Amino acid sequence: MGPWYSLLCATIIGVLRMAFMGIPPLALTGAVFGAFLSGVLYR
C-alpha cells in the first residue's frame, strides 16, 4: 500500500499494543520510522 499507509498501520498497531498490552513506547519508536522508510525505498 505504500509508505503513508504503512506509517498509519505501524502507528495504530503501536498505540494498540501500548494501550492493551502494556508495551513501552518502543512499540512506536521501533516501528514508525522503519515502516515509512520501507515504503519510500521500495518506491
Full PDB file with SEQRES, HELIX, SHEET, SSBOND, CRYST1, ORIGX, SCALE, CONECT and MASTER records, all heavy atoms in Angstrom:
SEQRES   1 A   43  MET GLY PRO TRP TYR SER LEU LEU CYS ALA THR ILE ILE          
SEQRES   2 A   43  GLY VAL LEU ARG MET ALA PHE MET GLY ILE PRO PRO LEU          
SEQRES   3 A   43  ALA LEU THR GLY ALA VAL PHE GLY ALA PHE LEU SER GLY          
SEQRES   4 A   43  VAL LEU TYR ARG                                              
HELIX    1 AA1 PRO A    3  MET A   21  1                                  19    
HELIX    2 AA2 LEU A   26  THR A   29  1                                   4    
HELIX    3 AA3 VAL A   32  TYR A   42  1                                  11    
CRYST1    1.000    1.000    1.000  90.00  90.00  90.00 P 1           1          
ORIGX1      1.000000  0.000000  0.000000        0.00000                         
ORIGX2      0.000000  1.000000  0.000000        0.00000                         
ORIGX3      0.000000  0.000000  1.000000        0.00000                         
SCALE1      1.000000  0.000000  0.000000        0.00000                         
SCALE2      0.000000  1.000000  0.000000        0.00000                         
SCALE3      0.000000  0.000000  1.000000        0.00000                         
ATOM      1  N   MET A   1       0.778  -1.240   0.000  1.00  0.00           N  
ATOM      2  CA  MET A   1       0.000   0.000   0.000  1.00  0.00           C  
ATOM      3  C   MET A   1       0.808   1.288   0.000  1.00  0.00           C  
ATOM      4  O   MET A   1       0.239   2.353  -0.139  1.00  0.00           O  
ATOM      5  CB  MET A   1      -0.947  -0.018   1.201  1.00  0.00           C  
ATOM      6  CG  MET A   1      -1.905  -1.189   1.120  1.00  0.00           C  
ATOM      7  SD  MET A   1      -2.906  -1.530   2.568  1.00  0.00           S  
ATOM      8  CE  MET A   1      -3.584  -0.005   3.028  1.00  0.00           C  
ATOM      9  N   GLY A   2       2.109   1.227   0.225  1.00  0.00           N  
ATOM     10  CA  GLY A   2       2.923   2.427   0.188  1.00  0.00           C  
ATOM     11  C   GLY A   2       3.308   2.951   1.557  1.00  0.00           C  
ATOM     12  O   GLY A   2       2.848   2.459   2.591  1.00  0.00           O  
ATOM     13  N   PRO A   3       4.159   3.980   1.578  1.00  0.00           N  
ATOM     14  CA  PRO A   3       4.726   4.461   2.845  1.00  0.00           C  
ATOM     15  C   PRO A   3       3.727   5.102   3.805  1.00  0.00           C  
ATOM     16  O   PRO A   3       3.844   4.934   5.015  1.00  0.00           O  
ATOM     17  CB  PRO A   3       5.778   5.478   2.399  1.00  0.00           C  
ATOM     18  CG  PRO A   3       5.426   5.863   1.014  1.00  0.00           C  
ATOM     19  CD  PRO A   3       4.697   4.698   0.421  1.00  0.00           C  
ATOM     20  N   TRP A   4       2.753   5.829   3.298  1.00  0.00           N  
ATOM     21  CA  TRP A   4       1.828   6.523   4.199  1.00  0.00           C  
ATOM     22  C   TRP A   4       0.899   5.537   4.896  1.00  0.00           C  
ATOM     23  O   TRP A   4       0.622   5.685   6.095  1.00  0.00           O  
ATOM     24  CB  TRP A   4       1.043   7.601   3.453  1.00  0.00           C  
ATOM     25  CG  TRP A   4       1.943   8.704   2.995  1.00  0.00           C  
ATOM     26  CD1 TRP A   4       2.346   8.965   1.714  1.00  0.00           C  
ATOM     27  CD2 TRP A   4       2.613   9.660   3.813  1.00  0.00           C  
ATOM     28  NE1 TRP A   4       3.207  10.037   1.691  1.00  0.00           N  
ATOM     29  CE2 TRP A   4       3.391  10.489   2.969  1.00  0.00           C  
ATOM     30  CE3 TRP A   4       2.627   9.917   5.180  1.00  0.00           C  
ATOM     31  CZ2 TRP A   4       4.170  11.532   3.458  1.00  0.00           C  
ATOM     32  CZ3 TRP A   4       3.407  10.963   5.655  1.00  0.00           C  
ATOM     33  CH2 TRP A   4       4.153  11.750   4.799  1.00  0.00           C  
ATOM     34  N   TYR A   5       0.409   4.550   4.166  1.00  0.00           N  
ATOM     35  CA  TYR A   5      -0.434   3.538   4.802  1.00  0.00           C  
ATOM     36  C   TYR A   5       0.380   2.703   5.779  1.00  0.00           C  
ATOM     37  O   TYR A   5      -0.111   2.306   6.837  1.00  0.00           O  
ATOM     38  CB  TYR A   5      -1.087   2.634   3.754  1.00  0.00           C  
ATOM     39  CG  TYR A   5      -2.327   3.234   3.154  1.00  0.00           C  
ATOM     40  CD1 TYR A   5      -2.276   3.910   1.942  1.00  0.00           C  
ATOM     41  CD2 TYR A   5      -3.549   3.130   3.796  1.00  0.00           C  
ATOM     42  CE1 TYR A   5      -3.420   4.471   1.393  1.00  0.00           C  
ATOM     43  CE2 TYR A   5      -4.704   3.689   3.255  1.00  0.00           C  
ATOM     44  CZ  TYR A   5      -4.624   4.358   2.053  1.00  0.00           C  
ATOM     45  OH  TYR A   5      -5.758   4.913   1.517  1.00  0.00           O  
ATOM     46  N   SER A   6       1.618   2.421   5.440  1.00  0.00           N  
ATOM     47  CA  SER A   6       2.477   1.654   6.336  1.00  0.00           C  
ATOM     48  C   SER A   6       2.746   2.435   7.620  1.00  0.00           C  
ATOM     49  O   SER A   6       2.732   1.866   8.717  1.00  0.00           O  
ATOM     50  CB  SER A   6       3.786   1.308   5.625  1.00  0.00           C  
ATOM     51  OG  SER A   6       4.571   0.473   6.423  1.00  0.00           O  
ATOM     52  N   LEU A   7       2.979   3.729   7.496  1.00  0.00           N  
ATOM     53  CA  LEU A   7       3.171   4.577   8.672  1.00  0.00           C  
ATOM     54  C   LEU A   7       1.914   4.585   9.542  1.00  0.00           C  
ATOM     55  O   LEU A   7       1.990   4.439  10.762  1.00  0.00           O  
ATOM     56  CB  LEU A   7       3.532   6.002   8.241  1.00  0.00           C  
ATOM     57  CG  LEU A   7       3.665   7.039   9.351  1.00  0.00           C  
ATOM     58  CD1 LEU A   7       4.793   6.683  10.304  1.00  0.00           C  
ATOM     59  CD2 LEU A   7       3.874   8.423   8.756  1.00  0.00           C  
ATOM     60  N   LEU A   8       0.762   4.729   8.915  1.00  0.00           N  
ATOM     61  CA  LEU A   8      -0.504   4.721   9.655  1.00  0.00           C  
ATOM     62  C   LEU A   8      -0.713   3.373  10.342  1.00  0.00           C  
ATOM     63  O   LEU A   8      -1.088   3.316  11.519  1.00  0.00           O  
ATOM     64  CB  LEU A   8      -1.666   5.036   8.707  1.00  0.00           C  
ATOM     65  CG  LEU A   8      -3.069   5.046   9.311  1.00  0.00           C  
ATOM     66  CD1 LEU A   8      -3.173   6.093  10.425  1.00  0.00           C  
ATOM     67  CD2 LEU A   8      -4.105   5.301   8.223  1.00  0.00           C  
ATOM     68  N   CYS A   9      -0.453   2.294   9.630  1.00  0.00           N  
ATOM     69  CA  CYS A   9      -0.608   0.944  10.186  1.00  0.00           C  
ATOM     70  C   CYS A   9       0.302   0.755  11.397  1.00  0.00           C  
ATOM     71  O   CYS A   9      -0.141   0.286  12.448  1.00  0.00           O  
ATOM     72  CB  CYS A   9      -0.302  -0.084   9.097  1.00  0.00           C  
ATOM     73  SG  CYS A   9      -0.520  -1.798   9.601  1.00  0.00           S  
ATOM     74  N   ALA A  10       1.575   1.123  11.270  1.00  0.00           N  
ATOM     75  CA  ALA A  10       2.528   0.964  12.368  1.00  0.00           C  
ATOM     76  C   ALA A  10       2.128   1.816  13.578  1.00  0.00           C  
ATOM     77  O   ALA A  10       2.266   1.378  14.724  1.00  0.00           O  
ATOM     78  CB  ALA A  10       3.933   1.335  11.904  1.00  0.00           C  
ATOM     79  N   THR A  11       1.620   3.015  13.329  1.00  0.00           N  
ATOM     80  CA  THR A  11       1.207   3.897  14.419  1.00  0.00           C  
ATOM     81  C   THR A  11       0.012   3.309  15.170  1.00  0.00           C  
ATOM     82  O   THR A  11       0.002   3.265  16.405  1.00  0.00           O  
ATOM     83  CB  THR A  11       0.869   5.298  13.880  1.00  0.00           C  
ATOM     84  OG1 THR A  11       2.020   5.818  13.203  1.00  0.00           O  
ATOM     85  CG2 THR A  11       0.454   6.240  15.001  1.00  0.00           C  
ATOM     86  N   ILE A  12      -0.981   2.842  14.433  1.00  0.00           N  
ATOM     87  CA  ILE A  12      -2.170   2.269  15.073  1.00  0.00           C  
ATOM     88  C   ILE A  12      -1.800   1.012  15.855  1.00  0.00           C  
ATOM     89  O   ILE A  12      -2.237   0.834  17.004  1.00  0.00           O  
ATOM     90  CB  ILE A  12      -3.268   1.976  14.027  1.00  0.00           C  
ATOM     91  CG1 ILE A  12      -3.787   3.277  13.417  1.00  0.00           C  
ATOM     92  CG2 ILE A  12      -4.415   1.187  14.659  1.00  0.00           C  
ATOM     93  CD1 ILE A  12      -4.695   3.078  12.205  1.00  0.00           C  
ATOM     94  N   ILE A  13      -0.977   0.144  15.261  1.00  0.00           N  
ATOM     95  CA  ILE A  13      -0.549  -1.072  15.963  1.00  0.00           C  
ATOM     96  C   ILE A  13       0.205  -0.697  17.239  1.00  0.00           C  
ATOM     97  O   ILE A  13      -0.041  -1.268  18.304  1.00  0.00           O  
ATOM     98  CB  ILE A  13       0.319  -1.960  15.055  1.00  0.00           C  
ATOM     99  CG1 ILE A  13      -0.517  -2.574  13.936  1.00  0.00           C  
ATOM    100  CG2 ILE A  13       1.003  -3.071  15.871  1.00  0.00           C  
ATOM    101  CD1 ILE A  13       0.303  -3.282  12.864  1.00  0.00           C  
ATOM    102  N   GLY A  14       1.118   0.273  17.137  1.00  0.00           N  
ATOM    103  CA  GLY A  14       1.886   0.686  18.308  1.00  0.00           C  
ATOM    104  C   GLY A  14       1.011   1.216  19.426  1.00  0.00           C  
ATOM    105  O   GLY A  14       1.190   0.856  20.593  1.00  0.00           O  
ATOM    106  N   VAL A  15       0.061   2.058  19.077  1.00  0.00           N  
ATOM    107  CA  VAL A  15      -0.841   2.627  20.087  1.00  0.00           C  
ATOM    108  C   VAL A  15      -1.677   1.521  20.730  1.00  0.00           C  
ATOM    109  O   VAL A  15      -1.841   1.479  21.960  1.00  0.00           O  
ATOM    110  CB  VAL A  15      -1.727   3.731  19.469  1.00  0.00           C  
ATOM    111  CG1 VAL A  15      -2.851   4.132  20.410  1.00  0.00           C  
ATOM    112  CG2 VAL A  15      -0.886   4.938  19.085  1.00  0.00           C  
ATOM    113  N   LEU A  16      -2.188   0.596  19.929  1.00  0.00           N  
ATOM    114  CA  LEU A  16      -2.985  -0.511  20.481  1.00  0.00           C  
ATOM    115  C   LEU A  16      -2.144  -1.407  21.381  1.00  0.00           C  
ATOM    116  O   LEU A  16      -2.603  -1.841  22.445  1.00  0.00           O  
ATOM    117  CB  LEU A  16      -3.619  -1.330  19.356  1.00  0.00           C  
ATOM    118  CG  LEU A  16      -4.742  -0.648  18.582  1.00  0.00           C  
ATOM    119  CD1 LEU A  16      -5.188  -1.508  17.410  1.00  0.00           C  
ATOM    120  CD2 LEU A  16      -5.919  -0.336  19.493  1.00  0.00           C  
ATOM    121  N   ARG A  17      -0.927  -1.690  20.980  1.00  0.00           N  
ATOM    122  CA  ARG A  17      -0.046  -2.529  21.798  1.00  0.00           C  
ATOM    123  C   ARG A  17       0.295  -1.832  23.113  1.00  0.00           C  
ATOM    124  O   ARG A  17       0.354  -2.481  24.159  1.00  0.00           O  
ATOM    125  CB  ARG A  17       1.230  -2.876  21.029  1.00  0.00           C  
ATOM    126  CG  ARG A  17       0.977  -3.861  19.899  1.00  0.00           C  
ATOM    127  CD  ARG A  17       2.214  -4.155  19.089  1.00  0.00           C  
ATOM    128  NE  ARG A  17       3.215  -4.796  19.930  1.00  0.00           N  
ATOM    129  CZ  ARG A  17       4.523  -4.558  19.836  1.00  0.00           C  
ATOM    130  NH1 ARG A  17       4.996  -3.710  18.947  1.00  0.00           N  
ATOM    131  NH2 ARG A  17       5.366  -5.193  20.621  1.00  0.00           N  
ATOM    132  N   MET A  18       0.523  -0.533  23.058  1.00  0.00           N  
ATOM    133  CA  MET A  18       0.816   0.213  24.284  1.00  0.00           C  
ATOM    134  C   MET A  18      -0.407   0.239  25.203  1.00  0.00           C  
ATOM    135  O   MET A  18      -0.283   0.060  26.420  1.00  0.00           O  
ATOM    136  CB  MET A  18       1.273   1.632  23.947  1.00  0.00           C  
ATOM    137  CG  MET A  18       2.666   1.679  23.363  1.00  0.00           C  
ATOM    138  SD  MET A  18       3.178   3.257  22.635  1.00  0.00           S  
ATOM    139  CE  MET A  18       2.563   4.485  23.709  1.00  0.00           C  
ATOM    140  N   ALA A  19      -1.583   0.452  24.636  1.00  0.00           N  
ATOM    141  CA  ALA A  19      -2.801   0.588  25.429  1.00  0.00           C  
ATOM    142  C   ALA A  19      -3.273  -0.739  26.023  1.00  0.00           C  
ATOM    143  O   ALA A  19      -3.661  -0.790  27.191  1.00  0.00           O  
ATOM    144  CB  ALA A  19      -3.916   1.188  24.577  1.00  0.00           C  
ATOM    145  N   PHE A  20      -3.228  -1.808  25.239  1.00  0.00           N  
ATOM    146  CA  PHE A  20      -3.831  -3.064  25.686  1.00  0.00           C  
ATOM    147  C   PHE A  20      -2.836  -4.116  26.156  1.00  0.00           C  
ATOM    148  O   PHE A  20      -3.224  -5.060  26.838  1.00  0.00           O  
ATOM    149  CB  PHE A  20      -4.709  -3.653  24.582  1.00  0.00           C  
ATOM    150  CG  PHE A  20      -5.882  -2.791  24.253  1.00  0.00           C  
ATOM    151  CD1 PHE A  20      -5.990  -2.192  23.009  1.00  0.00           C  
ATOM    152  CD2 PHE A  20      -6.873  -2.538  25.179  1.00  0.00           C  
ATOM    153  CE1 PHE A  20      -7.070  -1.383  22.693  1.00  0.00           C  
ATOM    154  CE2 PHE A  20      -7.948  -1.727  24.887  1.00  0.00           C  
ATOM    155  CZ  PHE A  20      -8.053  -1.145  23.632  1.00  0.00           C  
ATOM    156  N   MET A  21      -1.570  -3.977  25.780  1.00  0.00           N  
ATOM    157  CA  MET A  21      -0.591  -4.997  26.144  1.00  0.00           C  
ATOM    158  C   MET A  21       0.474  -4.475  27.098  1.00  0.00           C  
ATOM    159  O   MET A  21       1.386  -5.210  27.463  1.00  0.00           O  
ATOM    160  CB  MET A  21       0.080  -5.559  24.885  1.00  0.00           C  
ATOM    161  CG  MET A  21      -0.855  -6.275  23.956  1.00  0.00           C  
ATOM    162  SD  MET A  21       0.052  -6.808  22.497  1.00  0.00           S  
ATOM    163  CE  MET A  21      -1.234  -7.605  21.576  1.00  0.00           C  
ATOM    164  N   GLY A  22       0.402  -3.196  27.445  1.00  0.00           N  
ATOM    165  CA  GLY A  22       1.365  -2.631  28.370  1.00  0.00           C  
ATOM    166  C   GLY A  22       2.774  -2.512  27.810  1.00  0.00           C  
ATOM    167  O   GLY A  22       3.751  -2.476  28.546  1.00  0.00           O  
ATOM    168  N   ILE A  23       2.901  -2.449  26.489  1.00  0.00           N  
ATOM    169  CA  ILE A  23       4.201  -2.325  25.837  1.00  0.00           C  
ATOM    170  C   ILE A  23       4.686  -0.888  26.023  1.00  0.00           C  
ATOM    171  O   ILE A  23       3.910   0.059  25.917  1.00  0.00           O  
ATOM    172  CB  ILE A  23       4.085  -2.667  24.326  1.00  0.00           C  
ATOM    173  CG1 ILE A  23       3.432  -4.025  24.104  1.00  0.00           C  
ATOM    174  CG2 ILE A  23       5.431  -2.582  23.630  1.00  0.00           C  
ATOM    175  CD1 ILE A  23       4.186  -5.202  24.611  1.00  0.00           C  
ATOM    176  N   PRO A  24       5.982  -0.684  26.287  1.00  0.00           N  
ATOM    177  CA  PRO A  24       6.507   0.681  26.429  1.00  0.00           C  
ATOM    178  C   PRO A  24       6.489   1.424  25.089  1.00  0.00           C  
ATOM    179  O   PRO A  24       6.188   0.831  24.047  1.00  0.00           O  
ATOM    180  CB  PRO A  24       7.943   0.453  26.935  1.00  0.00           C  
ATOM    181  CG  PRO A  24       8.298  -0.913  26.519  1.00  0.00           C  
ATOM    182  CD  PRO A  24       7.021  -1.701  26.508  1.00  0.00           C  
ATOM    183  N   PRO A  25       6.855   2.689  25.091  1.00  0.00           N  
ATOM    184  CA  PRO A  25       6.852   3.476  23.845  1.00  0.00           C  
ATOM    185  C   PRO A  25       7.726   2.902  22.727  1.00  0.00           C  
ATOM    186  O   PRO A  25       7.691   3.393  21.607  1.00  0.00           O  
ATOM    187  CB  PRO A  25       7.365   4.852  24.293  1.00  0.00           C  
ATOM    188  CG  PRO A  25       7.045   4.927  25.734  1.00  0.00           C  
ATOM    189  CD  PRO A  25       7.152   3.532  26.254  1.00  0.00           C  
ATOM    190  N   LEU A  26       8.497   1.865  23.018  1.00  0.00           N  
ATOM    191  CA  LEU A  26       9.270   1.198  21.966  1.00  0.00           C  
ATOM    192  C   LEU A  26       8.343   0.673  20.872  1.00  0.00           C  
ATOM    193  O   LEU A  26       8.772   0.470  19.732  1.00  0.00           O  
ATOM    194  CB  LEU A  26      10.077   0.031  22.543  1.00  0.00           C  
ATOM    195  CG  LEU A  26      11.166   0.385  23.548  1.00  0.00           C  
ATOM    196  CD1 LEU A  26      11.789  -0.883  24.113  1.00  0.00           C  
ATOM    197  CD2 LEU A  26      12.222   1.258  22.904  1.00  0.00           C  
ATOM    198  N   ALA A  27       7.069   0.453  21.201  1.00  0.00           N  
ATOM    199  CA  ALA A  27       6.104  -0.006  20.206  1.00  0.00           C  
ATOM    200  C   ALA A  27       5.951   1.013  19.075  1.00  0.00           C  
ATOM    201  O   ALA A  27       5.644   0.642  17.941  1.00  0.00           O  
ATOM    202  CB  ALA A  27       4.748  -0.269  20.863  1.00  0.00           C  
ATOM    203  N   LEU A  28       6.181   2.270  19.377  1.00  0.00           N  
ATOM    204  CA  LEU A  28       6.114   3.307  18.332  1.00  0.00           C  
ATOM    205  C   LEU A  28       7.488   3.612  17.748  1.00  0.00           C  
ATOM    206  O   LEU A  28       7.656   3.628  16.531  1.00  0.00           O  
ATOM    207  CB  LEU A  28       5.491   4.592  18.888  1.00  0.00           C  
ATOM    208  CG  LEU A  28       3.989   4.558  19.086  1.00  0.00           C  
ATOM    209  CD1 LEU A  28       3.501   5.828  19.762  1.00  0.00           C  
ATOM    210  CD2 LEU A  28       3.275   4.354  17.773  1.00  0.00           C  
ATOM    211  N   THR A  29       8.471   3.868  18.627  1.00  0.00           N  
ATOM    212  CA  THR A  29       9.797   4.228  18.108  1.00  0.00           C  
ATOM    213  C   THR A  29      10.426   3.089  17.324  1.00  0.00           C  
ATOM    214  O   THR A  29      11.239   3.323  16.435  1.00  0.00           O  
ATOM    215  CB  THR A  29      10.750   4.646  19.246  1.00  0.00           C  
ATOM    216  OG1 THR A  29      10.896   3.553  20.162  1.00  0.00           O  
ATOM    217  CG2 THR A  29      10.252   5.876  19.951  1.00  0.00           C  
ATOM    218  N   GLY A  30      10.043   1.858  17.636  1.00  0.00           N  
ATOM    219  CA  GLY A  30      10.582   0.705  16.937  1.00  0.00           C  
ATOM    220  C   GLY A  30       9.776   0.305  15.729  1.00  0.00           C  
ATOM    221  O   GLY A  30       9.985  -0.772  15.176  1.00  0.00           O  
ATOM    222  N   ALA A  31       8.857   1.147  15.291  1.00  0.00           N  
ATOM    223  CA  ALA A  31       8.024   0.764  14.160  1.00  0.00           C  
ATOM    224  C   ALA A  31       7.852   1.859  13.112  1.00  0.00           C  
ATOM    225  O   ALA A  31       7.964   1.597  11.921  1.00  0.00           O  
ATOM    226  CB  ALA A  31       6.653   0.305  14.654  1.00  0.00           C  
ATOM    227  N   VAL A  32       7.554   3.061  13.533  1.00  0.00           N  
ATOM    228  CA  VAL A  32       7.112   4.077  12.575  1.00  0.00           C  
ATOM    229  C   VAL A  32       8.181   4.515  11.588  1.00  0.00           C  
ATOM    230  O   VAL A  32       7.893   4.718  10.406  1.00  0.00           O  
ATOM    231  CB  VAL A  32       6.497   5.299  13.294  1.00  0.00           C  
ATOM    232  CG1 VAL A  32       5.235   4.912  14.042  1.00  0.00           C  
ATOM    233  CG2 VAL A  32       7.481   5.969  14.236  1.00  0.00           C  
ATOM    234  N   PHE A  33       9.419   4.664  12.025  1.00  0.00           N  
ATOM    235  CA  PHE A  33      10.470   5.130  11.109  1.00  0.00           C  
ATOM    236  C   PHE A  33      10.769   4.079  10.041  1.00  0.00           C  
ATOM    237  O   PHE A  33      10.910   4.397   8.868  1.00  0.00           O  
ATOM    238  CB  PHE A  33      11.739   5.494  11.889  1.00  0.00           C  
ATOM    239  CG  PHE A  33      11.499   6.531  12.943  1.00  0.00           C  
ATOM    240  CD1 PHE A  33      11.413   6.178  14.283  1.00  0.00           C  
ATOM    241  CD2 PHE A  33      11.329   7.857  12.595  1.00  0.00           C  
ATOM    242  CE1 PHE A  33      11.173   7.134  15.251  1.00  0.00           C  
ATOM    243  CE2 PHE A  33      11.091   8.826  13.559  1.00  0.00           C  
ATOM    244  CZ  PHE A  33      11.012   8.461  14.896  1.00  0.00           C  
ATOM    245  N   GLY A  34      10.853   2.838  10.469  1.00  0.00           N  
ATOM    246  CA  GLY A  34      11.110   1.751   9.527  1.00  0.00           C  
ATOM    247  C   GLY A  34       9.958   1.531   8.572  1.00  0.00           C  
ATOM    248  O   GLY A  34      10.165   1.269   7.388  1.00  0.00           O  
ATOM    249  N   ALA A  35       8.741   1.626   9.072  1.00  0.00           N  
ATOM    250  CA  ALA A  35       7.569   1.431   8.218  1.00  0.00           C  
ATOM    251  C   ALA A  35       7.555   2.450   7.079  1.00  0.00           C  
ATOM    252  O   ALA A  35       7.367   2.096   5.912  1.00  0.00           O  
ATOM    253  CB  ALA A  35       6.290   1.542   9.049  1.00  0.00           C  
ATOM    254  N   PHE A  36       7.759   3.695   7.424  1.00  0.00           N  
ATOM    255  CA  PHE A  36       7.735   4.746   6.401  1.00  0.00           C  
ATOM    256  C   PHE A  36       8.915   4.619   5.432  1.00  0.00           C  
ATOM    257  O   PHE A  36       8.733   4.659   4.217  1.00  0.00           O  
ATOM    258  CB  PHE A  36       7.726   6.126   7.062  1.00  0.00           C  
ATOM    259  CG  PHE A  36       7.586   7.244   6.079  1.00  0.00           C  
ATOM    260  CD1 PHE A  36       6.370   7.487   5.457  1.00  0.00           C  
ATOM    261  CD2 PHE A  36       8.661   8.049   5.757  1.00  0.00           C  
ATOM    262  CE1 PHE A  36       6.227   8.512   4.534  1.00  0.00           C  
ATOM    263  CE2 PHE A  36       8.531   9.081   4.835  1.00  0.00           C  
ATOM    264  CZ  PHE A  36       7.310   9.316   4.225  1.00  0.00           C  
ATOM    265  N   LEU A  37      10.113   4.454   5.969  1.00  0.00           N  
ATOM    266  CA  LEU A  37      11.293   4.364   5.112  1.00  0.00           C  
ATOM    267  C   LEU A  37      11.256   3.122   4.220  1.00  0.00           C  
ATOM    268  O   LEU A  37      11.728   3.151   3.087  1.00  0.00           O  
ATOM    269  CB  LEU A  37      12.566   4.375   5.962  1.00  0.00           C  
ATOM    270  CG  LEU A  37      13.872   4.604   5.224  1.00  0.00           C  
ATOM    271  CD1 LEU A  37      13.834   5.886   4.397  1.00  0.00           C  
ATOM    272  CD2 LEU A  37      15.035   4.644   6.199  1.00  0.00           C  
ATOM    273  N   SER A  38      10.647   2.059   4.706  1.00  0.00           N  
ATOM    274  CA  SER A  38      10.488   0.850   3.903  1.00  0.00           C  
ATOM    275  C   SER A  38       9.679   1.146   2.639  1.00  0.00           C  
ATOM    276  O   SER A  38      10.071   0.766   1.530  1.00  0.00           O  
ATOM    277  CB  SER A  38       9.784  -0.232   4.739  1.00  0.00           C  
ATOM    278  OG  SER A  38       9.525  -1.372   3.985  1.00  0.00           O  
ATOM    279  N   GLY A  39       8.576   1.831   2.805  1.00  0.00           N  
ATOM    280  CA  GLY A  39       7.750   2.184   1.650  1.00  0.00           C  
ATOM    281  C   GLY A  39       8.422   3.166   0.716  1.00  0.00           C  
ATOM    282  O   GLY A  39       8.312   3.059  -0.510  1.00  0.00           O  
ATOM    283  N   VAL A  40       9.159   4.121   1.288  1.00  0.00           N  
ATOM    284  CA  VAL A  40       9.856   5.111   0.461  1.00  0.00           C  
ATOM    285  C   VAL A  40      10.931   4.441  -0.389  1.00  0.00           C  
ATOM    286  O   VAL A  40      11.027   4.681  -1.597  1.00  0.00           O  
ATOM    287  CB  VAL A  40      10.465   6.235   1.348  1.00  0.00           C  
ATOM    288  CG1 VAL A  40      11.427   7.091   0.555  1.00  0.00           C  
ATOM    289  CG2 VAL A  40       9.358   7.087   1.959  1.00  0.00           C  
ATOM    290  N   LEU A  41      11.748   3.585   0.222  1.00  0.00           N  
ATOM    291  CA  LEU A  41      12.811   2.924  -0.534  1.00  0.00           C  
ATOM    292  C   LEU A  41      12.260   1.917  -1.541  1.00  0.00           C  
ATOM    293  O   LEU A  41      12.824   1.738  -2.619  1.00  0.00           O  
ATOM    294  CB  LEU A  41      13.812   2.241   0.401  1.00  0.00           C  
ATOM    295  CG  LEU A  41      14.720   3.167   1.195  1.00  0.00           C  
ATOM    296  CD1 LEU A  41      15.776   2.378   1.961  1.00  0.00           C  
ATOM    297  CD2 LEU A  41      15.385   4.211   0.321  1.00  0.00           C  
ATOM    298  N   TYR A  42      11.144   1.272  -1.208  1.00  0.00           N  
ATOM    299  CA  TYR A  42      10.517   0.349  -2.164  1.00  0.00           C  
ATOM    300  C   TYR A  42      10.093   1.114  -3.421  1.00  0.00           C  
ATOM    301  O   TYR A  42      10.354   0.683  -4.539  1.00  0.00           O  
ATOM    302  CB  TYR A  42       9.315  -0.344  -1.526  1.00  0.00           C  
ATOM    303  CG  TYR A  42       8.579  -1.258  -2.478  1.00  0.00           C  
ATOM    304  CD1 TYR A  42       9.117  -2.488  -2.828  1.00  0.00           C  
ATOM    305  CD2 TYR A  42       7.354  -0.896  -3.023  1.00  0.00           C  
ATOM    306  CE1 TYR A  42       8.453  -3.332  -3.706  1.00  0.00           C  
ATOM    307  CE2 TYR A  42       6.684  -1.724  -3.892  1.00  0.00           C  
ATOM    308  CZ  TYR A  42       7.233  -2.950  -4.234  1.00  0.00           C  
ATOM    309  OH  TYR A  42       6.572  -3.776  -5.112  1.00  0.00           O  
ATOM    310  N   ARG A  43       9.467   2.253  -3.225  1.00  0.00           N  
ATOM    311  CA  ARG A  43       9.038   3.058  -4.377  1.00  0.00           C  
ATOM    312  C   ARG A  43      10.215   3.681  -5.109  1.00  0.00           C  
ATOM    313  O   ARG A  43      10.241   3.728  -6.338  1.00  0.00           O  
ATOM    314  CB  ARG A  43       8.061   4.135  -3.938  1.00  0.00           C  
ATOM    315  CG  ARG A  43       6.702   3.568  -3.636  1.00  0.00           C  
ATOM    316  CD  ARG A  43       5.648   4.619  -3.614  1.00  0.00           C  
ATOM    317  NE  ARG A  43       4.356   3.994  -3.443  1.00  0.00           N  
ATOM    318  CZ  ARG A  43       3.283   4.653  -3.063  1.00  0.00           C  
ATOM    319  NH1 ARG A  43       3.356   5.940  -2.825  1.00  0.00           N  
ATOM    320  NH2 ARG A  43       2.147   4.019  -2.938  1.00  0.00           N  
TER     321      ARG A  43                                                      
MASTER        0    0    0    3    0    0    0    6  320    1    0    4          
END                                                                             
